[in-house]
Amino acid sequence: MKAEIDSIDKNNTWKLVPPPKDIKPIGLRWLYKIIRNTNGSITRYKARPVAKGYIQEQCIDFDEEEVYVFQSEGFVKQGEETKIYKLAKKALYGLRQSPRAWNLKLSNTLKIYRF
């Protein structure tokens, strides 16, 4: 879990900010997966924070460009307990905006290569 949080921080997926007024942050939960070799033996355990996107409401939250999430339980930064994460450049798994963000990135990449 710590490695995943460190990776997200390193990739500038989110930025810790004071909570803006009139903003409803989304909670996070953890999704766990076992990664196996072709012979079925366990290679490693994977943990991924996933936004609780199911609380987003159609026509209200789907089109938001700025998305805020709470700090994950167990990984709250000391001295910054009241701050929340603002998703910066990338969407987080579980958000209703994730497929749109992925499609936009794919579309732009394909246009660069003249597809």
PDB file of N, CA and C in Angstrom:
ATOM      1  N   MET A   1       0.832  -1.189   0.000  1.00  0.00           N
ATOM      2  CA  MET A   1       0.000   0.000   0.000  1.00  0.00           C
ATOM      3  C   MET A   1       0.877   1.253   0.000  1.00  0.00           C
ATOM      4  N   LYS A   2       1.936   1.209   0.805  1.00  0.00           N
ATOM      5  CA  LYS A   2       2.827   2.370   0.853  1.00  0.00           C
ATOM      6  C   LYS A   2       3.500   2.598  -0.496  1.00  0.00           C
ATOM      7  N   ALA A   3       3.903   1.516  -1.159  1.00  0.00           N
ATOM      8  CA  ALA A   3       4.547   1.646  -2.469  1.00  0.00           C
ATOM      9  C   ALA A   3       3.592   2.280  -3.476  1.00  0.00           C
ATOM     10  N   GLU A   4       2.321   1.937  -3.416  1.00  0.00           N
ATOM     11  CA  GLU A   4       1.334   2.506  -4.339  1.00  0.00           C
ATOM     12  C   GLU A   4       1.128   3.993  -4.061  1.00  0.00           C
ATOM     13  N   ILE A   5       1.019   4.364  -2.794  1.00  0.00           N
ATOM     14  CA  ILE A   5       0.877   5.786  -2.422  1.00  0.00           C
ATOM     15  C   ILE A   5       2.113   6.565  -2.878  1.00  0.00           C
ATOM     16  N   ASP A   6       3.306   5.994  -2.656  1.00  0.00           N
ATOM     17  CA  ASP A   6       4.542   6.659  -3.089  1.00  0.00           C
ATOM     18  C   ASP A   6       4.575   6.834  -4.605  1.00  0.00           C
ATOM     19  N   SER A   7       4.112   5.822  -5.337  1.00  0.00           N
ATOM     20  CA  SER A   7       4.070   5.901  -6.794  1.00  0.00           C
ATOM     21  C   SER A   7       3.114   6.994  -7.262  1.00  0.00           C
ATOM     22  N   ILE A   8       1.965   7.085  -6.625  1.00  0.00           N
ATOM     23  CA  ILE A   8       0.983   8.120  -6.975  1.00  0.00           C
ATOM     24  C   ILE A   8       1.563   9.508  -6.706  1.00  0.00           C
ATOM     25  N   ASP A   9       2.246   9.660  -5.573  1.00  0.00           N
ATOM     26  CA  ASP A   9       2.892  10.943  -5.254  1.00  0.00           C
ATOM     27  C   ASP A   9       3.971  11.273  -6.285  1.00  0.00           C
ATOM     28  N   LYS A  10       4.784  10.273  -6.633  1.00  0.00           N
ATOM     29  CA  LYS A  10       5.888  10.478  -7.580  1.00  0.00           C
ATOM     30  C   LYS A  10       5.366  10.893  -8.958  1.00  0.00           C
ATOM     31  N   ASN A  11       4.224  10.349  -9.369  1.00  0.00           N
ATOM     32  CA  ASN A  11       3.657  10.656 -10.679  1.00  0.00           C
ATOM     33  C   ASN A  11       2.782  11.907 -10.684  1.00  0.00           C
ATOM     34  N   ASN A  12       2.755  12.624  -9.582  1.00  0.00           N
ATOM     35  CA  ASN A  12       1.981  13.863  -9.463  1.00  0.00           C
ATOM     36  C   ASN A  12       0.508  13.668  -9.809  1.00  0.00           C
ATOM     37  N   THR A  13      -0.047  12.536  -9.388  1.00  0.00           N
ATOM     38  CA  THR A  13      -1.456  12.264  -9.638  1.00  0.00           C
ATOM     39  C   THR A  13      -2.331  13.186  -8.815  1.00  0.00           C
ATOM     40  N   TRP A  14      -1.864  13.527  -7.619  1.00  0.00           N
ATOM     41  CA  TRP A  14      -2.639  14.410  -6.763  1.00  0.00           C
ATOM     42  C   TRP A  14      -1.734  15.368  -6.006  1.00  0.00           C
ATOM     43  N   LYS A  15      -2.368  16.365  -5.433  1.00  0.00           N
ATOM     44  CA  LYS A  15      -1.639  17.402  -4.690  1.00  0.00           C
ATOM     45  C   LYS A  15      -2.423  17.656  -3.405  1.00  0.00           C
ATOM     46  N   LEU A  16      -1.736  17.718  -2.274  1.00  0.00           N
ATOM     47  CA  LEU A  16      -2.372  17.963  -0.986  1.00  0.00           C
ATOM     48  C   LEU A  16      -2.673  19.451  -0.832  1.00  0.00           C
ATOM     49  N   VAL A  17      -3.953  19.776  -0.633  1.00  0.00           N
ATOM     50  CA  VAL A  17      -4.389  21.175  -0.566  1.00  0.00           C
ATOM     51  C   VAL A  17      -5.386  21.359   0.576  1.00  0.00           C
ATOM     52  N   PRO A  18      -5.541  22.595   1.061  1.00  0.00           N
ATOM     53  CA  PRO A  18      -6.616  22.853   2.033  1.00  0.00           C
ATOM     54  C   PRO A  18      -7.967  22.664   1.342  1.00  0.00           C
ATOM     55  N   PRO A  19      -8.965  22.136   2.050  1.00  0.00           N
ATOM     56  CA  PRO A  19     -10.264  21.914   1.390  1.00  0.00           C
ATOM     57  C   PRO A  19     -10.951  23.217   1.024  1.00  0.00           C
ATOM     58  N   PRO A  20     -11.303  23.401  -0.259  1.00  0.00           N
ATOM     59  CA  PRO A  20     -12.046  24.592  -0.669  1.00  0.00           C
ATOM     60  C   PRO A  20     -13.472  24.536  -0.104  1.00  0.00           C
ATOM     61  N   LYS A  21     -14.082  25.699   0.030  1.00  0.00           N
ATOM     62  CA  LYS A  21     -15.462  25.755   0.503  1.00  0.00           C
ATOM     63  C   LYS A  21     -16.386  25.182  -0.572  1.00  0.00           C
ATOM     64  N   ASP A  22     -17.484  24.625  -0.156  1.00  0.00           N
ATOM     65  CA  ASP A  22     -18.512  24.082  -1.049  1.00  0.00           C
ATOM     66  C   ASP A  22     -18.016  22.937  -1.933  1.00  0.00           C
ATOM     67  N   ILE A  23     -17.002  22.222  -1.482  1.00  0.00           N
ATOM     68  CA  ILE A  23     -16.488  21.067  -2.222  1.00  0.00           C
ATOM     69  C   ILE A  23     -16.802  19.807  -1.429  1.00  0.00           C
ATOM     70  N   LYS A  24     -17.269  18.784  -2.127  1.00  0.00           N
ATOM     71  CA  LYS A  24     -17.589  17.510  -1.499  1.00  0.00           C
ATOM     72  C   LYS A  24     -16.523  16.492  -1.899  1.00  0.00           C
ATOM     73  N   PRO A  25     -15.515  16.257  -1.029  1.00  0.00           N
ATOM     74  CA  PRO A  25     -14.468  15.288  -1.373  1.00  0.00           C
ATOM     75  C   PRO A  25     -15.031  13.867  -1.450  1.00  0.00           C
ATOM     76  N   ILE A  26     -14.363  13.051  -2.216  1.00  0.00           N
ATOM     77  CA  ILE A  26     -14.738  11.655  -2.390  1.00  0.00           C
ATOM     78  C   ILE A  26     -13.813  10.801  -1.535  1.00  0.00           C
ATOM     79  N   GLY A  27     -14.343   9.784  -0.932  1.00  0.00           N
ATOM     80  CA  GLY A  27     -13.537   8.887  -0.116  1.00  0.00           C
ATOM     81  C   GLY A  27     -12.741   7.910  -0.972  1.00  0.00           C
ATOM     82  N   LEU A  28     -11.783   7.256  -0.346  1.00  0.00           N
ATOM     83  CA  LEU A  28     -10.978   6.235  -1.015  1.00  0.00           C
ATOM     84  C   LEU A  28     -11.181   4.899  -0.313  1.00  0.00           C
ATOM     85  N   ARG A  29     -11.070   3.843  -1.065  1.00  0.00           N
ATOM     86  CA  ARG A  29     -11.037   2.502  -0.496  1.00  0.00           C
ATOM     87  C   ARG A  29      -9.903   1.774  -1.194  1.00  0.00           C
ATOM     88  N   TRP A  30      -9.486   0.639  -0.666  1.00  0.00           N
ATOM     89  CA  TRP A  30      -8.379  -0.112  -1.244  1.00  0.00           C
ATOM     90  C   TRP A  30      -8.882  -1.352  -1.955  1.00  0.00           C
ATOM     91  N   LEU A  31      -8.328  -1.602  -3.123  1.00  0.00           N
ATOM     92  CA  LEU A  31      -8.625  -2.790  -3.901  1.00  0.00           C
ATOM     93  C   LEU A  31      -7.366  -3.644  -3.885  1.00  0.00           C
ATOM     94  N   TYR A  32      -7.509  -4.909  -3.519  1.00  0.00           N
ATOM     95  CA  TYR A  32      -6.361  -5.803  -3.400  1.00  0.00           C
ATOM     96  C   TYR A  32      -6.420  -6.868  -4.481  1.00  0.00           C
ATOM     97  N   LYS A  33      -5.246  -7.207  -5.013  1.00  0.00           N
ATOM     98  CA  LYS A  33      -5.170  -8.192  -6.084  1.00  0.00           C
ATOM     99  C   LYS A  33      -3.904  -9.021  -5.897  1.00  0.00           C
ATOM    100  N   ILE A  34      -3.995 -10.298  -6.213  1.00  0.00           N
ATOM    101  CA  ILE A  34      -2.832 -11.178  -6.171  1.00  0.00           C
ATOM    102  C   ILE A  34      -2.334 -11.352  -7.600  1.00  0.00           C
ATOM    103  N   ILE A  35      -1.071 -11.039  -7.824  1.00  0.00           N
ATOM    104  CA  ILE A  35      -0.447 -11.180  -9.131  1.00  0.00           C
ATOM    105  C   ILE A  35       0.254 -12.540  -9.152  1.00  0.00           C
ATOM    106  N   ARG A  36      -0.062 -13.351 -10.167  1.00  0.00           N
ATOM    107  CA  ARG A  36       0.485 -14.703 -10.245  1.00  0.00           C
ATOM    108  C   ARG A  36       1.320 -14.898 -11.516  1.00  0.00           C
ATOM    109  N   ASN A  37       2.273 -15.841 -11.442  1.00  0.00           N
ATOM    110  CA  ASN A  37       3.033 -16.280 -12.614  1.00  0.00           C
ATOM    111  C   ASN A  37       2.144 -17.164 -13.474  1.00  0.00           C
ATOM    112  N   THR A  38       2.644 -17.535 -14.639  1.00  0.00           N
ATOM    113  CA  THR A  38       1.873 -18.407 -15.519  1.00  0.00           C
ATOM    114  C   THR A  38       1.645 -19.786 -14.906  1.00  0.00           C
ATOM    115  N   ASN A  39       2.533 -20.203 -13.999  1.00  0.00           N
ATOM    116  CA  ASN A  39       2.356 -21.507 -13.363  1.00  0.00           C
ATOM    117  C   ASN A  39       1.428 -21.443 -12.142  1.00  0.00           C
ATOM    118  N   GLY A  40       0.922 -20.269 -11.844  1.00  0.00           N
ATOM    119  CA  GLY A  40      -0.024 -20.107 -10.744  1.00  0.00           C
ATOM    120  C   GLY A  40       0.583 -19.688  -9.422  1.00  0.00           C
ATOM    121  N   SER A  41       1.907 -19.655  -9.342  1.00  0.00           N
ATOM    122  CA  SER A  41       2.532 -19.238  -8.080  1.00  0.00           C
ATOM    123  C   SER A  41       2.408 -17.724  -7.909  1.00  0.00           C
ATOM    124  N   ILE A  42       2.339 -17.289  -6.674  1.00  0.00           N
ATOM    125  CA  ILE A  42       2.152 -15.866  -6.361  1.00  0.00           C
ATOM    126  C   ILE A  42       3.447 -15.101  -6.598  1.00  0.00           C
ATOM    127  N   THR A  43       3.355 -14.054  -7.422  1.00  0.00           N
ATOM    128  CA  THR A  43       4.494 -13.184  -7.687  1.00  0.00           C
ATOM    129  C   THR A  43       4.565 -12.070  -6.653  1.00  0.00           C
ATOM    130  N   ARG A  44       3.407 -11.419  -6.461  1.00  0.00           N
ATOM    131  CA  ARG A  44       3.350 -10.315  -5.500  1.00  0.00           C
ATOM    132  C   ARG A  44       1.901  -9.988  -5.191  1.00  0.00           C
ATOM    133  N   TYR A  45       1.746  -9.161  -4.193  1.00  0.00           N
ATOM    134  CA  TYR A  45       0.426  -8.659  -3.822  1.00  0.00           C
ATOM    135  C   TYR A  45       0.340  -7.206  -4.246  1.00  0.00           C
ATOM    136  N   LYS A  46      -0.763  -6.818  -4.837  1.00  0.00           N
ATOM    137  CA  LYS A  46      -0.941  -5.450  -5.351  1.00  0.00           C
ATOM    138  C   LYS A  46      -2.085  -4.791  -4.606  1.00  0.00           C
ATOM    139  N   ALA A  47      -1.880  -3.569  -4.216  1.00  0.00           N
ATOM    140  CA  ALA A  47      -2.930  -2.772  -3.580  1.00  0.00           C
ATOM    141  C   ALA A  47      -3.084  -1.490  -4.383  1.00  0.00           C
ATOM    142  N   ARG A  48      -4.327  -1.079  -4.577  1.00  0.00           N
ATOM    143  CA  ARG A  48      -4.582   0.125  -5.366  1.00  0.00           C
ATOM    144  C   ARG A  48      -5.672   0.940  -4.677  1.00  0.00           C
ATOM    145  N   PRO A  49      -5.419   2.244  -4.441  1.00  0.00           N
ATOM    146  CA  PRO A  49      -6.502   3.070  -3.905  1.00  0.00           C
ATOM    147  C   PRO A  49      -7.510   3.372  -5.008  1.00  0.00           C
ATOM    148  N   VAL A  50      -8.767   3.224  -4.686  1.00  0.00           N
ATOM    149  CA  VAL A  50      -9.844   3.427  -5.650  1.00  0.00           C
ATOM    150  C   VAL A  50     -10.812   4.443  -5.075  1.00  0.00           C
ATOM    151  N   ALA A  51     -11.165   5.421  -5.880  1.00  0.00           N
ATOM    152  CA  ALA A  51     -12.121   6.439  -5.435  1.00  0.00           C
ATOM    153  C   ALA A  51     -13.508   5.818  -5.321  1.00  0.00           C
ATOM    154  N   LYS A  52     -14.256   6.263  -4.350  1.00  0.00           N
ATOM    155  CA  LYS A  52     -15.638   5.807  -4.174  1.00  0.00           C
ATOM    156  C   LYS A  52     -16.528   6.609  -5.126  1.00  0.00           C
ATOM    157  N   GLY A  53     -16.312   6.390  -6.408  1.00  0.00           N
ATOM    158  CA  GLY A  53     -17.012   7.135  -7.445  1.00  0.00           C
ATOM    159  C   GLY A  53     -18.496   6.885  -7.481  1.00  0.00           C
ATOM    160  N   TYR A  54     -18.941   5.815  -6.839  1.00  0.00           N
ATOM    161  CA  TYR A  54     -20.367   5.511  -6.832  1.00  0.00           C
ATOM    162  C   TYR A  54     -21.186   6.552  -6.078  1.00  0.00           C
ATOM    163  N   ILE A  55     -20.523   7.420  -5.308  1.00  0.00           N
ATOM    164  CA  ILE A  55     -21.278   8.467  -4.615  1.00  0.00           C
ATOM    165  C   ILE A  55     -21.479   9.701  -5.495  1.00  0.00           C
ATOM    166  N   GLN A  56     -20.801   9.728  -6.651  1.00  0.00           N
ATOM    167  CA  GLN A  56     -20.967  10.856  -7.560  1.00  0.00           C
ATOM    168  C   GLN A  56     -22.358  10.797  -8.193  1.00  0.00           C
ATOM    169  N   GLU A  57     -22.954  11.955  -8.364  1.00  0.00           N
ATOM    170  CA  GLU A  57     -24.305  12.034  -8.914  1.00  0.00           C
ATOM    171  C   GLU A  57     -24.272  12.541 -10.348  1.00  0.00           C
ATOM    172  N   GLN A  58     -25.083  11.887 -11.198  1.00  0.00           N
ATOM    173  CA  GLN A  58     -25.153  12.270 -12.602  1.00  0.00           C
ATOM    174  C   GLN A  58     -25.644  13.706 -12.731  1.00  0.00           C
ATOM    175  N   CYS A  59     -25.105  14.430 -13.685  1.00  0.00           N
ATOM    176  CA  CYS A  59     -25.432  15.837 -13.975  1.00  0.00           C
ATOM    177  C   CYS A  59     -24.944  16.794 -12.893  1.00  0.00           C
ATOM    178  N   ILE A  60     -24.331  16.274 -11.834  1.00  0.00           N
ATOM    179  CA  ILE A  60     -23.783  17.142 -10.792  1.00  0.00           C
ATOM    180  C   ILE A  60     -22.274  16.971 -10.722  1.00  0.00           C
ATOM    181  N   ASP A  61     -21.822  15.734 -10.524  1.00  0.00           N
ATOM    182  CA  ASP A  61     -20.399  15.475 -10.306  1.00  0.00           C
ATOM    183  C   ASP A  61     -19.654  14.962 -11.531  1.00  0.00           C
ATOM    184  N   PHE A  62     -20.349  14.428 -12.549  1.00  0.00           N
ATOM    185  CA  PHE A  62     -19.673  13.773 -13.654  1.00  0.00           C
ATOM    186  C   PHE A  62     -18.798  14.707 -14.467  1.00  0.00           C
ATOM    187  N   ASP A  63     -19.201  15.940 -14.628  1.00  0.00           N
ATOM    188  CA  ASP A  63     -18.479  16.864 -15.492  1.00  0.00           C
ATOM    189  C   ASP A  63     -17.492  17.759 -14.758  1.00  0.00           C
ATOM    190  N   GLU A  64     -17.307  17.520 -13.473  1.00  0.00           N
ATOM    191  CA  GLU A  64     -16.371  18.353 -12.716  1.00  0.00           C
ATOM    192  C   GLU A  64     -14.959  18.168 -13.254  1.00  0.00           C
ATOM    193  N   GLU A  65     -14.287  19.266 -13.475  1.00  0.00           N
ATOM    194  CA  GLU A  65     -12.879  19.192 -13.895  1.00  0.00           C
ATOM    195  C   GLU A  65     -11.967  19.028 -12.700  1.00  0.00           C
ATOM    196  N   GLU A  66     -12.347  19.558 -11.558  1.00  0.00           N
ATOM    197  CA  GLU A  66     -11.540  19.425 -10.353  1.00  0.00           C
ATOM    198  C   GLU A  66     -12.201  18.406  -9.431  1.00  0.00           C
ATOM    199  N   VAL A  67     -11.435  17.373  -9.055  1.00  0.00           N
ATOM    200  CA  VAL A  67     -11.938  16.324  -8.183  1.00  0.00           C
ATOM    201  C   VAL A  67     -11.055  16.274  -6.946  1.00  0.00           C
ATOM    202  N   TYR A  68     -11.693  16.178  -5.787  1.00  0.00           N
ATOM    203  CA  TYR A  68     -10.982  16.135  -4.510  1.00  0.00           C
ATOM    204  C   TYR A  68     -11.294  14.834  -3.800  1.00  0.00           C
ATOM    205  N   VAL A  69     -10.266  14.231  -3.184  1.00  0.00           N
ATOM    206  CA  VAL A  69     -10.460  13.003  -2.417  1.00  0.00           C
ATOM    207  C   VAL A  69      -9.832  13.160  -1.039  1.00  0.00           C
ATOM    208  N   PHE A  70     -10.413  12.437  -0.072  1.00  0.00           N
ATOM    209  CA  PHE A  70      -9.859  12.435   1.274  1.00  0.00           C
ATOM    210  C   PHE A  70      -8.531  11.685   1.286  1.00  0.00           C
ATOM    211  N   GLN A  71      -7.692  11.990   2.266  1.00  0.00           N
ATOM    212  CA  GLN A  71      -6.482  11.206   2.471  1.00  0.00           C
ATOM    213  C   GLN A  71      -6.896   9.810   2.933  1.00  0.00           C
ATOM    214  N   SER A  72      -6.160   8.817   2.482  1.00  0.00           N
ATOM    215  CA  SER A  72      -6.483   7.438   2.815  1.00  0.00           C
ATOM    216  C   SER A  72      -6.170   7.144   4.277  1.00  0.00           C
ATOM    217  N   GLU A  73      -7.079   6.427   4.907  1.00  0.00           N
ATOM    218  CA  GLU A  73      -6.881   6.051   6.306  1.00  0.00           C
ATOM    219  C   GLU A  73      -5.572   5.265   6.437  1.00  0.00           C
ATOM    220  N   GLY A  74      -4.779   5.646   7.417  1.00  0.00           N
ATOM    221  CA  GLY A  74      -3.481   5.011   7.611  1.00  0.00           C
ATOM    222  C   GLY A  74      -2.353   5.718   6.892  1.00  0.00           C
ATOM    223  N   PHE A  75      -2.698   6.627   5.989  1.00  0.00           N
ATOM    224  CA  PHE A  75      -1.693   7.362   5.220  1.00  0.00           C
ATOM    225  C   PHE A  75      -1.932   8.866   5.287  1.00  0.00           C
ATOM    226  N   VAL A  76      -2.512   9.326   6.382  1.00  0.00           N
ATOM    227  CA  VAL A  76      -2.749  10.757   6.585  1.00  0.00           C
ATOM    228  C   VAL A  76      -1.426  11.397   6.990  1.00  0.00           C
ATOM    229  N   LYS A  77      -1.041  12.445   6.290  1.00  0.00           N
ATOM    230  CA  LYS A  77       0.242  13.111   6.547  1.00  0.00           C
ATOM    231  C   LYS A  77       0.173  13.914   7.842  1.00  0.00           C
ATOM    232  N   GLN A  78       1.156  13.691   8.699  1.00  0.00           N
ATOM    233  CA  GLN A  78       1.196  14.391   9.982  1.00  0.00           C
ATOM    234  C   GLN A  78       1.346  15.887   9.778  1.00  0.00           C
ATOM    235  N   GLY A  79       0.578  16.638  10.549  1.00  0.00           N
ATOM    236  CA  GLY A  79       0.597  18.088  10.462  1.00  0.00           C
ATOM    237  C   GLY A  79      -0.311  18.622   9.360  1.00  0.00           C
ATOM    238  N   GLU A  80      -0.842  17.734   8.512  1.00  0.00           N
ATOM    239  CA  GLU A  80      -1.711  18.150   7.406  1.00  0.00           C
ATOM    240  C   GLU A  80      -2.990  17.310   7.385  1.00  0.00           C
ATOM    241  N   GLU A  81      -3.451  16.976   8.580  1.00  0.00           N
ATOM    242  CA  GLU A  81      -4.614  16.104   8.728  1.00  0.00           C
ATOM    243  C   GLU A  81      -5.890  16.690   8.145  1.00  0.00           C
ATOM    244  N   THR A  82      -5.995  18.018   8.095  1.00  0.00           N
ATOM    245  CA  THR A  82      -7.223  18.648   7.597  1.00  0.00           C
ATOM    246  C   THR A  82      -7.218  18.842   6.076  1.00  0.00           C
ATOM    247  N   LYS A  83      -6.097  18.568   5.432  1.00  0.00           N
ATOM    248  CA  LYS A  83      -6.005  18.767   3.989  1.00  0.00           C
ATOM    249  C   LYS A  83      -6.572  17.560   3.232  1.00  0.00           C
ATOM    250  N   ILE A  84      -6.912  17.806   1.981  1.00  0.00           N
ATOM    251  CA  ILE A  84      -7.414  16.757   1.100  1.00  0.00           C
ATOM    252  C   ILE A  84      -6.594  16.778  -0.180  1.00  0.00           C
ATOM    253  N   TYR A  85      -6.737  15.716  -0.981  1.00  0.00           N
ATOM    254  CA  TYR A  85      -6.005  15.649  -2.236  1.00  0.00           C
ATOM    255  C   TYR A  85      -6.840  16.197  -3.380  1.00  0.00           C
ATOM    256  N   LYS A  86      -6.200  17.014  -4.207  1.00  0.00           N
ATOM    257  CA  LYS A  86      -6.809  17.484  -5.450  1.00  0.00           C
ATOM    258  C   LYS A  86      -6.139  16.683  -6.568  1.00  0.00           C
ATOM    259  N   LEU A  87      -6.963  15.993  -7.350  1.00  0.00           N
ATOM    260  CA  LEU A  87      -6.396  15.232  -8.458  1.00  0.00           C
ATOM    261  C   LEU A  87      -5.854  16.208  -9.474  1.00  0.00           C
ATOM    262  N   ALA A  88      -4.611  16.022  -9.830  1.00  0.00           N
ATOM    263  CA  ALA A  88      -3.937  16.971 -10.709  1.00  0.00           C
ATOM    264  C   ALA A  88      -4.077  16.590 -12.175  1.00  0.00           C
ATOM    265  N   LYS A  89      -3.190  15.768 -12.665  1.00  0.00           N
ATOM    266  CA  LYS A  89      -3.128  15.497 -14.101  1.00  0.00           C
ATOM    267  C   LYS A  89      -3.854  14.225 -14.509  1.00  0.00           C
ATOM    268  N   LYS A  90      -4.115  13.360 -13.568  1.00  0.00           N
ATOM    269  CA  LYS A  90      -4.643  12.055 -13.933  1.00  0.00           C
ATOM    270  C   LYS A  90      -5.892  11.742 -13.136  1.00  0.00           C
ATOM    271  N   ALA A  91      -6.717  10.870 -13.687  1.00  0.00           N
ATOM    272  CA  ALA A  91      -7.904  10.409 -12.980  1.00  0.00           C
ATOM    273  C   ALA A  91      -7.522   9.203 -12.134  1.00  0.00           C
ATOM    274  N   LEU A  92      -8.278   8.964 -11.101  1.00  0.00           N
ATOM    275  CA  LEU A  92      -8.049   7.845 -10.200  1.00  0.00           C
ATOM    276  C   LEU A  92      -9.070   6.760 -10.500  1.00  0.00           C
ATOM    277  N   TYR A  93      -8.663   5.524 -10.353  1.00  0.00           N
ATOM    278  CA  TYR A  93      -9.601   4.423 -10.574  1.00  0.00           C
ATOM    279  C   TYR A  93     -10.840   4.604  -9.713  1.00  0.00           C
ATOM    280  N   GLY A  94     -11.978   4.317 -10.279  1.00  0.00           N
ATOM    281  CA  GLY A  94     -13.223   4.386  -9.537  1.00  0.00           C
ATOM    282  C   GLY A  94     -14.027   5.644  -9.785  1.00  0.00           C
ATOM    283  N   LEU A  95     -13.407   6.658 -10.358  1.00  0.00           N
ATOM    284  CA  LEU A  95     -14.128   7.901 -10.630  1.00  0.00           C
ATOM    285  C   LEU A  95     -14.940   7.770 -11.909  1.00  0.00           C
ATOM    286  N   ARG A  96     -16.034   8.455 -11.967  1.00  0.00           N
ATOM    287  CA  ARG A  96     -16.844   8.453 -13.189  1.00  0.00           C
ATOM    288  C   ARG A  96     -16.100   9.162 -14.316  1.00  0.00           C
ATOM    289  N   GLN A  97     -15.139  10.013 -13.974  1.00  0.00           N
ATOM    290  CA  GLN A  97     -14.369  10.738 -14.986  1.00  0.00           C
ATOM    291  C   GLN A  97     -13.242   9.889 -15.573  1.00  0.00           C
ATOM    292  N   SER A  98     -12.902   8.755 -14.943  1.00  0.00           N
ATOM    293  CA  SER A  98     -11.750   7.953 -15.372  1.00  0.00           C
ATOM    294  C   SER A  98     -11.828   7.511 -16.824  1.00  0.00           C
ATOM    295  N   PRO A  99     -12.944   6.917 -17.283  1.00  0.00           N
ATOM    296  CA  PRO A  99     -12.981   6.498 -18.689  1.00  0.00           C
ATOM    297  C   PRO A  99     -12.827   7.666 -19.659  1.00  0.00           C
ATOM    298  N   ARG A 100     -13.418   8.808 -19.316  1.00  0.00           N
ATOM    299  CA  ARG A 100     -13.314   9.971 -20.195  1.00  0.00           C
ATOM    300  C   ARG A 100     -11.874  10.470 -20.249  1.00  0.00           C
ATOM    301  N   ALA A 101     -11.192  10.484 -19.106  1.00  0.00           N
ATOM    302  CA  ALA A 101      -9.801  10.939 -19.065  1.00  0.00           C
ATOM    303  C   ALA A 101      -8.906   9.992 -19.865  1.00  0.00           C
ATOM    304  N   TRP A 102      -9.141   8.686 -19.740  1.00  0.00           N
ATOM    305  CA  TRP A 102      -8.362   7.702 -20.489  1.00  0.00           C
ATOM    306  C   TRP A 102      -8.609   7.866 -21.989  1.00  0.00           C
ATOM    307  N   ASN A 103      -9.857   8.028 -22.373  1.00  0.00           N
ATOM    308  CA  ASN A 103     -10.204   8.172 -23.787  1.00  0.00           C
ATOM    309  C   ASN A 103      -9.589   9.438 -24.379  1.00  0.00           C
ATOM    310  N   LEU A 104      -9.595  10.516 -23.628  1.00  0.00           N
ATOM    311  CA  LEU A 104      -9.001  11.765 -24.096  1.00  0.00           C
ATOM    312  C   LEU A 104      -7.498  11.605 -24.325  1.00  0.00           C
ATOM    313  N   LYS A 105      -6.812  10.941 -23.380  1.00  0.00           N
ATOM    314  CA  LYS A 105      -5.374  10.722 -23.522  1.00  0.00           C
ATOM    315  C   LYS A 105      -5.083   9.838 -24.725  1.00  0.00           C
ATOM    316  N   LEU A 106      -5.840   8.770 -24.905  1.00  0.00           N
ATOM    317  CA  LEU A 106      -5.650   7.875 -26.045  1.00  0.00           C
ATOM    318  C   LEU A 106      -5.896   8.614 -27.358  1.00  0.00           C
ATOM    319  N   SER A 107      -6.974   9.383 -27.402  1.00  0.00           N
ATOM    320  CA  SER A 107      -7.319  10.131 -28.607  1.00  0.00           C
ATOM    321  C   SER A 107      -6.214  11.114 -28.985  1.00  0.00           C
ATOM    322  N   ASN A 108      -5.710  11.850 -28.007  1.00  0.00           N
ATOM    323  CA  ASN A 108      -4.644  12.821 -28.276  1.00  0.00           C
ATOM    324  C   ASN A 108      -3.365  12.132 -28.749  1.00  0.00           C
ATOM    325  N   THR A 109      -3.043  10.990 -28.145  1.00  0.00           N
ATOM    326  CA  THR A 109      -1.846  10.245 -28.552  1.00  0.00           C
ATOM    327  C   THR A 109      -1.985   9.739 -29.978  1.00  0.00           C
ATOM    328  N   LEU A 110      -3.153   9.206 -30.320  1.00  0.00           N
ATOM    329  CA  LEU A 110      -3.374   8.714 -31.674  1.00  0.00           C
ATOM    330  C   LEU A 110      -3.307   9.847 -32.702  1.00  0.00           C
ATOM    331  N   LYS A 111      -3.784  11.028 -32.336  1.00  0.00           N
ATOM    332  CA  LYS A 111      -3.707  12.173 -33.250  1.00  0.00           C
ATOM    333  C   LYS A 111      -2.269  12.591 -33.505  1.00  0.00           C
ATOM    334  N   ILE A 112      -1.432  12.488 -32.488  1.00  0.00           N
ATOM    335  CA  ILE A 112      -0.007  12.820 -32.662  1.00  0.00           C
ATOM    336  C   ILE A 112       0.615  11.922 -33.724  1.00  0.00           C
ATOM    337  N   TYR A 113       0.216  10.649 -33.726  1.00  0.00           N
ATOM    338  CA  TYR A 113       0.745   9.681 -34.696  1.00  0.00           C
ATOM    339  C   TYR A 113      -0.099   9.612 -35.971  1.00  0.00           C
ATOM    340  N   ARG A 114      -0.994  10.573 -36.140  1.00  0.00           N
ATOM    341  CA  ARG A 114      -1.812  10.742 -37.337  1.00  0.00           C
ATOM    342  C   ARG A 114      -2.749   9.568 -37.621  1.00  0.00           C
ATOM    343  N   PHE A 115      -3.308   8.999 -36.543  1.00  0.00           N
ATOM    344  CA  PHE A 115      -4.330   7.966 -36.707  1.00  0.00           C
ATOM    345  C   PHE A 115      -5.694   8.607 -36.695  1.00  0.00           C
TER     346      PHE A 115
END
